[in-house]
N, C-alpha and C. Protein backbone atom coordinates (compact mmCIF):
# COMPACT_ATOMS: atom_id res chain seq x y z
N UNK A 1 -0.39 -205.33 6.91
CA UNK A 1 -0.33 -204.58 5.68
C UNK A 1 0.54 -203.34 5.83
N UNK A 2 0.44 -202.66 6.97
CA UNK A 2 1.21 -201.44 7.17
C UNK A 2 2.72 -201.72 7.25
N UNK A 3 3.09 -202.96 7.50
CA UNK A 3 4.50 -203.30 7.65
C UNK A 3 5.17 -203.63 6.32
N UNK A 4 4.44 -203.67 5.23
CA UNK A 4 5.03 -203.95 3.92
C UNK A 4 5.76 -202.70 3.45
N UNK A 5 7.02 -202.80 3.11
CA UNK A 5 7.76 -201.62 2.64
C UNK A 5 7.18 -201.13 1.31
N UNK A 6 6.90 -199.82 1.25
CA UNK A 6 6.24 -199.26 0.08
C UNK A 6 7.06 -199.47 -1.19
N UNK A 7 8.35 -199.25 -1.15
CA UNK A 7 9.19 -199.39 -2.35
C UNK A 7 9.08 -200.79 -2.91
N UNK A 8 9.06 -201.78 -2.05
CA UNK A 8 8.95 -203.17 -2.48
C UNK A 8 7.56 -203.43 -3.09
N UNK A 9 6.53 -202.92 -2.45
CA UNK A 9 5.16 -203.08 -2.95
C UNK A 9 5.01 -202.38 -4.31
N UNK A 10 5.55 -201.15 -4.41
CA UNK A 10 5.47 -200.39 -5.65
C UNK A 10 6.12 -201.16 -6.81
N UNK A 11 7.32 -201.70 -6.57
CA UNK A 11 8.02 -202.47 -7.62
C UNK A 11 7.18 -203.66 -8.06
N UNK A 12 6.57 -204.36 -7.12
CA UNK A 12 5.76 -205.53 -7.44
C UNK A 12 4.51 -205.13 -8.25
N UNK A 13 3.85 -204.05 -7.83
CA UNK A 13 2.66 -203.58 -8.54
C UNK A 13 3.00 -203.16 -9.97
N UNK A 14 4.10 -202.45 -10.14
CA UNK A 14 4.52 -202.03 -11.48
C UNK A 14 4.86 -203.24 -12.33
N UNK A 15 5.53 -204.22 -11.74
CA UNK A 15 5.86 -205.45 -12.48
C UNK A 15 4.59 -206.17 -12.92
N UNK A 16 3.53 -206.05 -12.13
CA UNK A 16 2.25 -206.68 -12.47
C UNK A 16 1.38 -205.78 -13.36
N UNK A 17 1.97 -204.68 -13.88
CA UNK A 17 1.31 -203.75 -14.80
C UNK A 17 0.12 -203.02 -14.15
N UNK A 18 0.20 -202.76 -12.86
CA UNK A 18 -0.83 -202.02 -12.15
C UNK A 18 -0.61 -200.52 -12.34
N UNK A 19 -1.66 -199.77 -12.46
CA UNK A 19 -1.59 -198.32 -12.60
C UNK A 19 -1.59 -197.70 -11.21
N UNK A 20 -0.54 -196.95 -10.90
CA UNK A 20 -0.44 -196.35 -9.57
C UNK A 20 -0.87 -194.88 -9.56
N UNK A 21 -0.71 -194.20 -10.70
CA UNK A 21 -1.10 -192.80 -10.82
C UNK A 21 -1.88 -192.63 -12.11
N UNK A 22 -3.09 -192.06 -12.02
CA UNK A 22 -3.91 -191.84 -13.20
C UNK A 22 -3.44 -190.58 -13.91
N UNK A 23 -3.12 -190.72 -15.18
CA UNK A 23 -2.66 -189.58 -15.97
C UNK A 23 -3.62 -189.27 -17.11
N UNK A 24 -4.71 -189.97 -17.17
CA UNK A 24 -5.70 -189.76 -18.23
C UNK A 24 -6.59 -188.57 -17.92
N UNK A 25 -7.64 -188.39 -18.73
CA UNK A 25 -8.54 -187.25 -18.50
C UNK A 25 -9.30 -187.39 -17.19
N UNK A 26 -9.68 -186.25 -16.64
CA UNK A 26 -10.44 -186.26 -15.39
C UNK A 26 -11.78 -186.93 -15.62
N UNK A 27 -12.26 -187.65 -14.62
CA UNK A 27 -13.55 -188.33 -14.70
C UNK A 27 -14.65 -187.31 -14.46
N UNK A 28 -15.58 -187.25 -15.36
CA UNK A 28 -16.75 -186.40 -15.22
C UNK A 28 -17.98 -187.28 -15.32
N UNK A 29 -18.72 -187.47 -14.20
CA UNK A 29 -19.90 -188.33 -14.29
C UNK A 29 -20.93 -187.74 -15.23
N UNK A 30 -21.61 -188.63 -15.95
CA UNK A 30 -22.67 -188.20 -16.86
C UNK A 30 -23.82 -187.67 -16.01
N UNK A 31 -24.24 -186.49 -16.31
CA UNK A 31 -25.33 -185.89 -15.56
C UNK A 31 -26.62 -186.64 -15.84
N UNK A 32 -27.35 -186.93 -14.79
CA UNK A 32 -28.64 -187.57 -14.94
C UNK A 32 -29.69 -186.47 -15.06
N UNK A 33 -30.46 -186.53 -16.11
CA UNK A 33 -31.46 -185.50 -16.34
C UNK A 33 -32.80 -186.19 -16.51
N UNK A 34 -33.79 -185.67 -15.82
CA UNK A 34 -35.12 -186.24 -15.94
C UNK A 34 -35.81 -185.77 -17.21
N UNK A 35 -36.90 -186.42 -17.53
CA UNK A 35 -37.71 -186.07 -18.69
C UNK A 35 -38.46 -184.79 -18.37
N UNK A 36 -38.38 -183.82 -19.25
CA UNK A 36 -39.11 -182.57 -19.07
C UNK A 36 -40.59 -182.85 -19.33
N UNK A 37 -41.46 -182.66 -18.33
CA UNK A 37 -42.88 -182.96 -18.53
C UNK A 37 -43.52 -182.16 -19.67
N UNK A 38 -42.94 -181.03 -20.03
CA UNK A 38 -43.49 -180.22 -21.12
C UNK A 38 -43.25 -180.85 -22.48
N UNK A 39 -42.34 -181.83 -22.54
CA UNK A 39 -42.04 -182.48 -23.82
C UNK A 39 -42.85 -183.75 -24.03
N UNK A 40 -43.72 -184.08 -23.09
CA UNK A 40 -44.50 -185.32 -23.14
C UNK A 40 -45.94 -184.97 -23.51
N UNK A 41 -46.54 -185.77 -24.39
CA UNK A 41 -47.93 -185.51 -24.78
C UNK A 41 -48.88 -185.82 -23.63
N UNK A 42 -50.02 -185.19 -23.66
CA UNK A 42 -51.04 -185.42 -22.64
C UNK A 42 -50.88 -184.48 -21.46
N UNK A 43 -51.63 -184.78 -20.41
CA UNK A 43 -51.61 -184.00 -19.16
C UNK A 43 -50.72 -184.77 -18.19
N UNK A 44 -49.61 -184.16 -17.78
CA UNK A 44 -48.66 -184.81 -16.89
C UNK A 44 -48.73 -184.18 -15.51
N UNK A 45 -48.82 -185.02 -14.47
CA UNK A 45 -48.75 -184.57 -13.09
C UNK A 45 -47.52 -185.21 -12.49
N UNK A 46 -46.53 -184.39 -12.13
CA UNK A 46 -45.28 -184.88 -11.56
C UNK A 46 -45.43 -184.99 -10.04
N UNK A 47 -44.50 -185.71 -9.42
CA UNK A 47 -44.57 -185.89 -7.96
C UNK A 47 -44.46 -184.55 -7.22
N UNK A 48 -43.86 -183.54 -7.85
CA UNK A 48 -43.76 -182.22 -7.21
C UNK A 48 -45.13 -181.60 -6.98
N UNK A 49 -46.12 -182.01 -7.78
CA UNK A 49 -47.46 -181.46 -7.69
C UNK A 49 -48.46 -182.43 -7.04
N UNK A 50 -47.96 -183.51 -6.47
CA UNK A 50 -48.82 -184.54 -5.89
C UNK A 50 -49.00 -184.32 -4.39
N UNK A 51 -50.04 -184.96 -3.85
CA UNK A 51 -50.27 -184.96 -2.39
C UNK A 51 -49.53 -186.17 -1.82
N UNK A 52 -48.57 -185.92 -0.95
CA UNK A 52 -47.71 -186.97 -0.41
C UNK A 52 -48.09 -187.24 1.04
N UNK A 53 -48.34 -188.51 1.35
CA UNK A 53 -48.63 -188.92 2.72
C UNK A 53 -47.52 -189.87 3.16
N UNK A 54 -46.90 -189.57 4.28
CA UNK A 54 -45.82 -190.41 4.80
C UNK A 54 -44.45 -189.88 4.39
N UNK A 55 -43.43 -190.57 4.83
CA UNK A 55 -42.05 -190.15 4.64
C UNK A 55 -41.44 -190.84 3.43
N UNK A 56 -41.49 -190.18 2.28
CA UNK A 56 -40.93 -190.69 1.03
C UNK A 56 -39.56 -190.06 0.82
N UNK A 57 -38.65 -190.78 0.21
CA UNK A 57 -37.34 -190.25 -0.13
C UNK A 57 -37.33 -189.82 -1.58
N UNK A 58 -36.56 -188.80 -1.88
CA UNK A 58 -36.40 -188.31 -3.25
C UNK A 58 -35.11 -188.90 -3.82
N UNK A 59 -35.17 -189.32 -5.09
CA UNK A 59 -33.99 -189.91 -5.71
C UNK A 59 -33.97 -189.60 -7.20
N UNK A 60 -32.76 -189.61 -7.76
CA UNK A 60 -32.57 -189.46 -9.20
C UNK A 60 -31.50 -190.46 -9.63
N UNK A 61 -31.46 -191.60 -8.95
CA UNK A 61 -30.41 -192.58 -9.17
C UNK A 61 -30.61 -193.38 -10.45
N UNK A 62 -31.82 -193.87 -10.67
CA UNK A 62 -32.08 -194.75 -11.81
C UNK A 62 -33.17 -194.14 -12.68
N UNK A 63 -32.90 -193.98 -13.95
CA UNK A 63 -33.89 -193.44 -14.88
C UNK A 63 -34.65 -194.55 -15.54
N UNK A 64 -35.67 -194.25 -16.28
CA UNK A 64 -36.13 -192.89 -16.56
C UNK A 64 -36.99 -192.35 -15.43
N UNK A 65 -37.04 -191.03 -15.35
CA UNK A 65 -37.94 -190.37 -14.41
C UNK A 65 -38.29 -189.01 -14.97
N UNK A 66 -39.36 -188.43 -14.43
CA UNK A 66 -39.86 -187.14 -14.91
C UNK A 66 -39.42 -186.06 -13.94
N UNK A 67 -39.03 -184.92 -14.49
CA UNK A 67 -38.66 -183.78 -13.67
C UNK A 67 -37.33 -183.99 -12.98
N UNK A 68 -37.21 -183.42 -11.78
CA UNK A 68 -35.95 -183.44 -11.05
C UNK A 68 -35.65 -184.77 -10.38
N UNK A 69 -36.70 -185.54 -10.04
CA UNK A 69 -36.48 -186.78 -9.30
C UNK A 69 -37.78 -187.58 -9.23
N UNK A 70 -37.68 -188.74 -8.59
CA UNK A 70 -38.86 -189.55 -8.29
C UNK A 70 -38.87 -189.80 -6.79
N UNK A 71 -39.97 -190.29 -6.29
CA UNK A 71 -40.09 -190.63 -4.87
C UNK A 71 -39.99 -192.14 -4.71
N UNK A 72 -39.43 -192.59 -3.59
CA UNK A 72 -39.50 -194.01 -3.23
C UNK A 72 -39.74 -194.13 -1.74
N UNK A 73 -40.38 -195.22 -1.36
CA UNK A 73 -40.82 -195.40 0.02
C UNK A 73 -39.75 -195.98 0.93
N UNK A 74 -38.54 -196.23 0.41
CA UNK A 74 -37.44 -196.84 1.17
C UNK A 74 -37.80 -198.23 1.69
N UNK A 75 -38.81 -198.83 1.05
CA UNK A 75 -39.26 -200.17 1.44
C UNK A 75 -39.54 -200.25 2.95
N UNK A 76 -40.19 -199.23 3.46
CA UNK A 76 -40.46 -199.15 4.90
C UNK A 76 -41.87 -198.64 5.14
N UNK A 77 -42.42 -199.01 6.28
CA UNK A 77 -43.74 -198.55 6.73
C UNK A 77 -44.84 -198.79 5.71
N UNK A 78 -44.87 -200.02 5.15
CA UNK A 78 -45.90 -200.36 4.17
C UNK A 78 -47.29 -200.08 4.76
N UNK A 79 -48.13 -199.52 3.93
CA UNK A 79 -49.50 -199.21 4.34
C UNK A 79 -49.66 -197.85 4.97
N UNK A 80 -48.56 -197.15 5.24
CA UNK A 80 -48.64 -195.83 5.87
C UNK A 80 -48.29 -194.71 4.90
N UNK A 81 -48.03 -195.05 3.64
CA UNK A 81 -47.59 -194.05 2.68
C UNK A 81 -48.43 -194.11 1.41
N UNK A 82 -48.63 -192.94 0.81
CA UNK A 82 -49.32 -192.87 -0.48
C UNK A 82 -48.95 -191.57 -1.17
N UNK A 83 -49.11 -191.56 -2.49
CA UNK A 83 -48.92 -190.35 -3.28
C UNK A 83 -50.12 -190.26 -4.22
N UNK A 84 -50.82 -189.12 -4.17
CA UNK A 84 -52.01 -188.92 -5.00
C UNK A 84 -51.75 -187.83 -6.04
N UNK A 85 -51.97 -188.20 -7.29
CA UNK A 85 -51.78 -187.31 -8.42
C UNK A 85 -53.17 -186.89 -8.92
N UNK A 86 -53.44 -185.59 -8.98
CA UNK A 86 -54.74 -185.09 -9.40
C UNK A 86 -54.54 -184.19 -10.62
N UNK A 87 -55.02 -184.63 -11.78
CA UNK A 87 -54.87 -183.80 -12.98
C UNK A 87 -55.96 -182.74 -13.06
N UNK A 88 -55.69 -181.73 -13.85
CA UNK A 88 -56.74 -180.76 -14.20
C UNK A 88 -57.03 -181.02 -15.68
N UNK A 89 -58.05 -181.83 -15.93
CA UNK A 89 -58.36 -182.23 -17.30
C UNK A 89 -59.17 -181.13 -18.00
N UNK A 90 -58.80 -180.79 -19.24
CA UNK A 90 -59.45 -179.69 -19.96
C UNK A 90 -60.87 -180.00 -20.41
N UNK A 91 -61.19 -181.30 -20.53
CA UNK A 91 -62.55 -181.66 -20.95
C UNK A 91 -62.84 -183.09 -20.49
N UNK A 92 -64.11 -183.39 -20.37
CA UNK A 92 -64.53 -184.74 -20.01
C UNK A 92 -64.27 -185.66 -21.20
N UNK A 93 -64.03 -186.94 -20.91
CA UNK A 93 -63.82 -187.89 -22.00
C UNK A 93 -63.11 -189.13 -21.52
N UNK A 94 -62.80 -189.96 -22.48
CA UNK A 94 -62.10 -191.22 -22.20
C UNK A 94 -60.59 -190.96 -22.30
N UNK A 95 -59.87 -191.37 -21.25
CA UNK A 95 -58.44 -191.14 -21.18
C UNK A 95 -57.70 -192.44 -20.88
N UNK A 96 -56.51 -192.57 -21.48
CA UNK A 96 -55.56 -193.61 -21.10
C UNK A 96 -54.71 -193.03 -19.98
N UNK A 97 -54.48 -193.82 -18.94
CA UNK A 97 -53.69 -193.38 -17.80
C UNK A 97 -52.36 -194.14 -17.82
N UNK A 98 -51.27 -193.39 -17.78
CA UNK A 98 -49.93 -193.96 -17.79
C UNK A 98 -49.20 -193.61 -16.50
N UNK A 99 -48.43 -194.54 -16.00
CA UNK A 99 -47.51 -194.29 -14.89
C UNK A 99 -46.10 -194.46 -15.42
N UNK A 100 -45.15 -193.85 -14.74
CA UNK A 100 -43.74 -194.04 -15.09
C UNK A 100 -42.99 -194.41 -13.81
N UNK A 101 -42.08 -195.34 -13.95
CA UNK A 101 -41.20 -195.71 -12.84
C UNK A 101 -39.90 -196.24 -13.43
N UNK A 102 -38.88 -196.24 -12.62
CA UNK A 102 -37.60 -196.82 -13.03
C UNK A 102 -37.57 -198.25 -12.51
N UNK A 103 -37.58 -199.21 -13.42
CA UNK A 103 -37.61 -200.62 -13.04
C UNK A 103 -36.27 -201.03 -12.44
N UNK A 104 -36.34 -201.95 -11.47
CA UNK A 104 -35.12 -202.49 -10.85
C UNK A 104 -35.52 -203.72 -10.06
N UNK A 105 -34.56 -204.59 -9.80
CA UNK A 105 -34.85 -205.84 -9.08
C UNK A 105 -35.34 -205.60 -7.65
N UNK A 106 -35.00 -204.45 -7.05
CA UNK A 106 -35.43 -204.20 -5.67
C UNK A 106 -36.81 -203.55 -5.58
N UNK A 107 -37.46 -203.35 -6.70
CA UNK A 107 -38.78 -202.73 -6.72
C UNK A 107 -39.87 -203.74 -6.32
N UNK A 108 -41.00 -203.20 -5.94
CA UNK A 108 -42.15 -204.03 -5.56
C UNK A 108 -42.82 -204.61 -6.80
N UNK A 109 -43.26 -205.85 -6.69
CA UNK A 109 -43.99 -206.48 -7.80
C UNK A 109 -45.50 -206.37 -7.58
N UNK A 110 -45.91 -205.87 -6.42
CA UNK A 110 -47.34 -205.75 -6.11
C UNK A 110 -47.61 -204.34 -5.56
N UNK A 111 -47.67 -203.37 -6.45
CA UNK A 111 -47.92 -201.99 -6.03
C UNK A 111 -49.40 -201.68 -6.26
N UNK A 112 -50.14 -201.39 -5.19
CA UNK A 112 -51.56 -201.06 -5.36
C UNK A 112 -51.75 -199.63 -5.84
N UNK A 113 -52.61 -199.48 -6.85
CA UNK A 113 -52.91 -198.16 -7.42
C UNK A 113 -54.42 -198.00 -7.49
N UNK A 114 -54.92 -196.90 -6.96
CA UNK A 114 -56.34 -196.58 -7.00
C UNK A 114 -56.56 -195.46 -8.02
N UNK A 115 -57.52 -195.65 -8.91
CA UNK A 115 -57.80 -194.65 -9.93
C UNK A 115 -59.26 -194.22 -9.78
N UNK A 116 -59.46 -192.95 -9.44
CA UNK A 116 -60.80 -192.39 -9.32
C UNK A 116 -61.14 -191.77 -10.67
N UNK A 117 -62.27 -192.23 -11.26
CA UNK A 117 -62.69 -191.78 -12.58
C UNK A 117 -64.18 -191.50 -12.55
N UNK A 118 -64.73 -191.07 -13.67
CA UNK A 118 -66.14 -190.66 -13.73
C UNK A 118 -67.12 -191.78 -13.41
N UNK A 119 -66.71 -193.03 -13.63
CA UNK A 119 -67.61 -194.16 -13.40
C UNK A 119 -67.35 -194.87 -12.07
N UNK A 120 -66.49 -194.32 -11.24
CA UNK A 120 -66.22 -194.94 -9.94
C UNK A 120 -64.74 -194.98 -9.61
N UNK A 121 -64.32 -196.12 -9.04
CA UNK A 121 -62.94 -196.27 -8.60
C UNK A 121 -62.42 -197.61 -9.09
N UNK A 122 -61.28 -197.59 -9.73
CA UNK A 122 -60.63 -198.83 -10.19
C UNK A 122 -59.41 -199.09 -9.33
N UNK A 123 -59.15 -200.37 -9.11
CA UNK A 123 -57.95 -200.77 -8.38
C UNK A 123 -57.12 -201.64 -9.31
N UNK A 124 -55.86 -201.26 -9.49
CA UNK A 124 -54.94 -202.06 -10.30
C UNK A 124 -53.70 -202.34 -9.48
N UNK A 125 -52.98 -203.37 -9.86
CA UNK A 125 -51.71 -203.72 -9.22
C UNK A 125 -50.64 -203.71 -10.29
N UNK A 126 -49.54 -203.02 -10.03
CA UNK A 126 -48.47 -202.95 -11.03
C UNK A 126 -47.20 -203.60 -10.49
N UNK A 127 -46.40 -204.09 -11.42
CA UNK A 127 -45.12 -204.72 -11.11
C UNK A 127 -44.01 -203.75 -11.50
N UNK A 128 -43.38 -203.14 -10.51
CA UNK A 128 -42.33 -202.17 -10.79
C UNK A 128 -40.95 -202.81 -10.97
N UNK A 129 -40.87 -204.12 -10.85
CA UNK A 129 -39.62 -204.80 -11.17
C UNK A 129 -39.39 -204.82 -12.67
N UNK A 130 -40.49 -204.76 -13.42
CA UNK A 130 -40.44 -204.86 -14.88
C UNK A 130 -40.82 -203.55 -15.53
N UNK A 131 -40.62 -203.50 -16.82
CA UNK A 131 -41.02 -202.39 -17.67
C UNK A 131 -40.23 -201.14 -17.35
N UNK A 132 -40.82 -200.19 -16.70
CA UNK A 132 -40.19 -198.89 -16.55
C UNK A 132 -40.60 -198.04 -17.74
N UNK A 133 -40.36 -196.77 -17.68
CA UNK A 133 -40.85 -195.89 -18.72
C UNK A 133 -42.36 -195.74 -18.59
N UNK A 134 -42.96 -195.02 -19.51
CA UNK A 134 -44.40 -194.81 -19.47
C UNK A 134 -45.13 -196.12 -19.77
N UNK A 135 -46.00 -196.52 -18.86
CA UNK A 135 -46.75 -197.77 -19.00
C UNK A 135 -48.23 -197.48 -18.79
N UNK A 136 -49.06 -197.87 -19.77
CA UNK A 136 -50.51 -197.67 -19.65
C UNK A 136 -51.06 -198.65 -18.62
N UNK A 137 -51.79 -198.12 -17.63
CA UNK A 137 -52.32 -198.96 -16.56
C UNK A 137 -53.85 -198.96 -16.51
N UNK A 138 -54.50 -198.05 -17.27
CA UNK A 138 -55.95 -197.95 -17.18
C UNK A 138 -56.47 -197.09 -18.32
N UNK A 139 -57.70 -197.39 -18.77
CA UNK A 139 -58.43 -196.54 -19.70
C UNK A 139 -59.84 -196.38 -19.15
N UNK A 140 -60.31 -195.14 -19.05
CA UNK A 140 -61.64 -194.92 -18.50
C UNK A 140 -62.13 -193.50 -18.74
N UNK A 141 -63.38 -193.28 -18.35
CA UNK A 141 -64.01 -191.97 -18.49
C UNK A 141 -63.64 -191.08 -17.30
N UNK A 142 -63.32 -189.84 -17.61
CA UNK A 142 -62.97 -188.87 -16.58
C UNK A 142 -63.75 -187.59 -16.82
N UNK A 143 -64.14 -186.94 -15.73
CA UNK A 143 -64.84 -185.66 -15.80
C UNK A 143 -63.84 -184.54 -16.06
N UNK A 144 -64.34 -183.44 -16.57
CA UNK A 144 -63.51 -182.25 -16.73
C UNK A 144 -63.09 -181.75 -15.35
N UNK A 145 -61.91 -181.18 -15.26
CA UNK A 145 -61.46 -180.59 -14.00
C UNK A 145 -60.63 -181.54 -13.16
N UNK A 146 -60.83 -181.44 -11.84
CA UNK A 146 -59.96 -182.15 -10.89
C UNK A 146 -60.67 -183.25 -10.11
N UNK A 147 -61.73 -183.82 -10.66
CA UNK A 147 -62.47 -184.86 -9.94
C UNK A 147 -61.74 -186.21 -9.95
N UNK A 148 -60.92 -186.46 -10.95
CA UNK A 148 -60.21 -187.73 -11.06
C UNK A 148 -58.87 -187.68 -10.33
N UNK A 149 -58.35 -188.87 -10.03
CA UNK A 149 -57.04 -188.94 -9.38
C UNK A 149 -56.45 -190.34 -9.52
N UNK A 150 -55.15 -190.42 -9.27
CA UNK A 150 -54.43 -191.69 -9.23
C UNK A 150 -53.62 -191.70 -7.94
N UNK A 151 -53.82 -192.75 -7.13
CA UNK A 151 -53.09 -192.86 -5.86
C UNK A 151 -52.24 -194.12 -5.88
N UNK A 152 -50.95 -193.94 -5.67
CA UNK A 152 -50.02 -195.06 -5.51
C UNK A 152 -49.87 -195.29 -4.02
N UNK A 153 -50.15 -196.53 -3.59
CA UNK A 153 -50.09 -196.87 -2.17
C UNK A 153 -48.97 -197.88 -1.91
N UNK A 154 -48.70 -198.13 -0.64
CA UNK A 154 -47.63 -199.07 -0.29
C UNK A 154 -48.13 -200.31 0.44
N UNK A 155 -49.44 -200.41 0.72
CA UNK A 155 -49.91 -201.58 1.47
C UNK A 155 -49.64 -202.86 0.69
N UNK A 156 -49.05 -203.83 1.37
CA UNK A 156 -48.80 -205.14 0.77
C UNK A 156 -47.66 -205.16 -0.23
N UNK A 157 -46.94 -204.06 -0.38
CA UNK A 157 -45.83 -204.02 -1.34
C UNK A 157 -44.70 -204.93 -0.87
N UNK A 158 -44.03 -205.54 -1.83
CA UNK A 158 -42.95 -206.50 -1.51
C UNK A 158 -41.60 -206.00 -2.01
N UNK A 159 -41.37 -204.71 -1.89
CA UNK A 159 -40.11 -204.08 -2.31
C UNK A 159 -40.31 -202.58 -2.32
N UNK A 160 -39.34 -201.87 -2.88
CA UNK A 160 -39.41 -200.41 -2.96
C UNK A 160 -40.53 -200.00 -3.92
N UNK A 161 -41.34 -199.04 -3.48
CA UNK A 161 -42.41 -198.49 -4.31
C UNK A 161 -41.94 -197.14 -4.85
N UNK A 162 -42.12 -196.96 -6.15
CA UNK A 162 -41.73 -195.72 -6.82
C UNK A 162 -42.98 -194.92 -7.17
N UNK A 163 -42.94 -193.62 -6.89
CA UNK A 163 -44.02 -192.70 -7.28
C UNK A 163 -43.36 -191.53 -7.98
N UNK A 164 -43.61 -191.41 -9.28
CA UNK A 164 -42.92 -190.37 -10.04
C UNK A 164 -43.89 -189.42 -10.73
N UNK A 165 -44.63 -189.92 -11.70
CA UNK A 165 -45.55 -189.05 -12.44
C UNK A 165 -46.66 -189.88 -13.05
N UNK A 166 -47.75 -189.20 -13.38
CA UNK A 166 -48.91 -189.81 -14.04
C UNK A 166 -49.20 -188.97 -15.28
N UNK A 167 -49.63 -189.65 -16.34
CA UNK A 167 -49.94 -188.96 -17.59
C UNK A 167 -51.32 -189.40 -18.07
N UNK A 168 -52.14 -188.43 -18.46
CA UNK A 168 -53.47 -188.68 -19.01
C UNK A 168 -53.46 -188.29 -20.48
N UNK A 169 -53.80 -189.25 -21.35
CA UNK A 169 -53.82 -189.01 -22.80
C UNK A 169 -55.20 -189.39 -23.30
N UNK A 170 -55.81 -188.54 -24.11
CA UNK A 170 -57.12 -188.87 -24.68
C UNK A 170 -57.04 -190.22 -25.37
N UNK A 171 -57.96 -191.12 -25.01
CA UNK A 171 -57.95 -192.48 -25.56
C UNK A 171 -58.06 -192.43 -27.08
N UNK A 172 -57.31 -193.28 -27.74
CA UNK A 172 -57.34 -193.35 -29.19
C UNK A 172 -56.41 -192.36 -29.86
N UNK A 173 -55.83 -191.47 -29.09
CA UNK A 173 -54.90 -190.50 -29.67
C UNK A 173 -53.57 -191.18 -29.96
N UNK A 174 -53.06 -190.96 -31.15
CA UNK A 174 -51.78 -191.56 -31.53
C UNK A 174 -50.66 -190.76 -30.90
N UNK A 175 -49.69 -191.50 -30.40
CA UNK A 175 -48.53 -190.87 -29.73
C UNK A 175 -47.61 -190.24 -30.73
């Protein structure tokens, strides 16, 4: 390749209508901005306020996400990582629990989630390959204060696990 004379190559490229010098406007990538948690109804706990166990990576590559970024487990060390979101609920009552993640083909389809509520502990499995955005994963009774929690774990996951934010909305409340 280095032995091809540039003048000859240039003439051929121009004859083939190839652009050799960009003269258009400068490329400015669209800034990726997360969802401001203050603009979302309910009680939102972002990953910045969560208890993180293990080595999670921070990313803002694929939206939607809340705040500055989301966490992902890099599809490594399954079973050794978790993120626990603990809300400070203003009153006891029945709440819908929503998670948010950015869906992608490389995400896990079997993400274990533990939800501690007033009546015990629920275990749900979510598919992060699908949906994305705020997704309701549970409805249950929660005590006032910080007794409840949602933990996203990596055991048995079959792809990248995303941990971004959890939202608690009083059940029956219209969005």
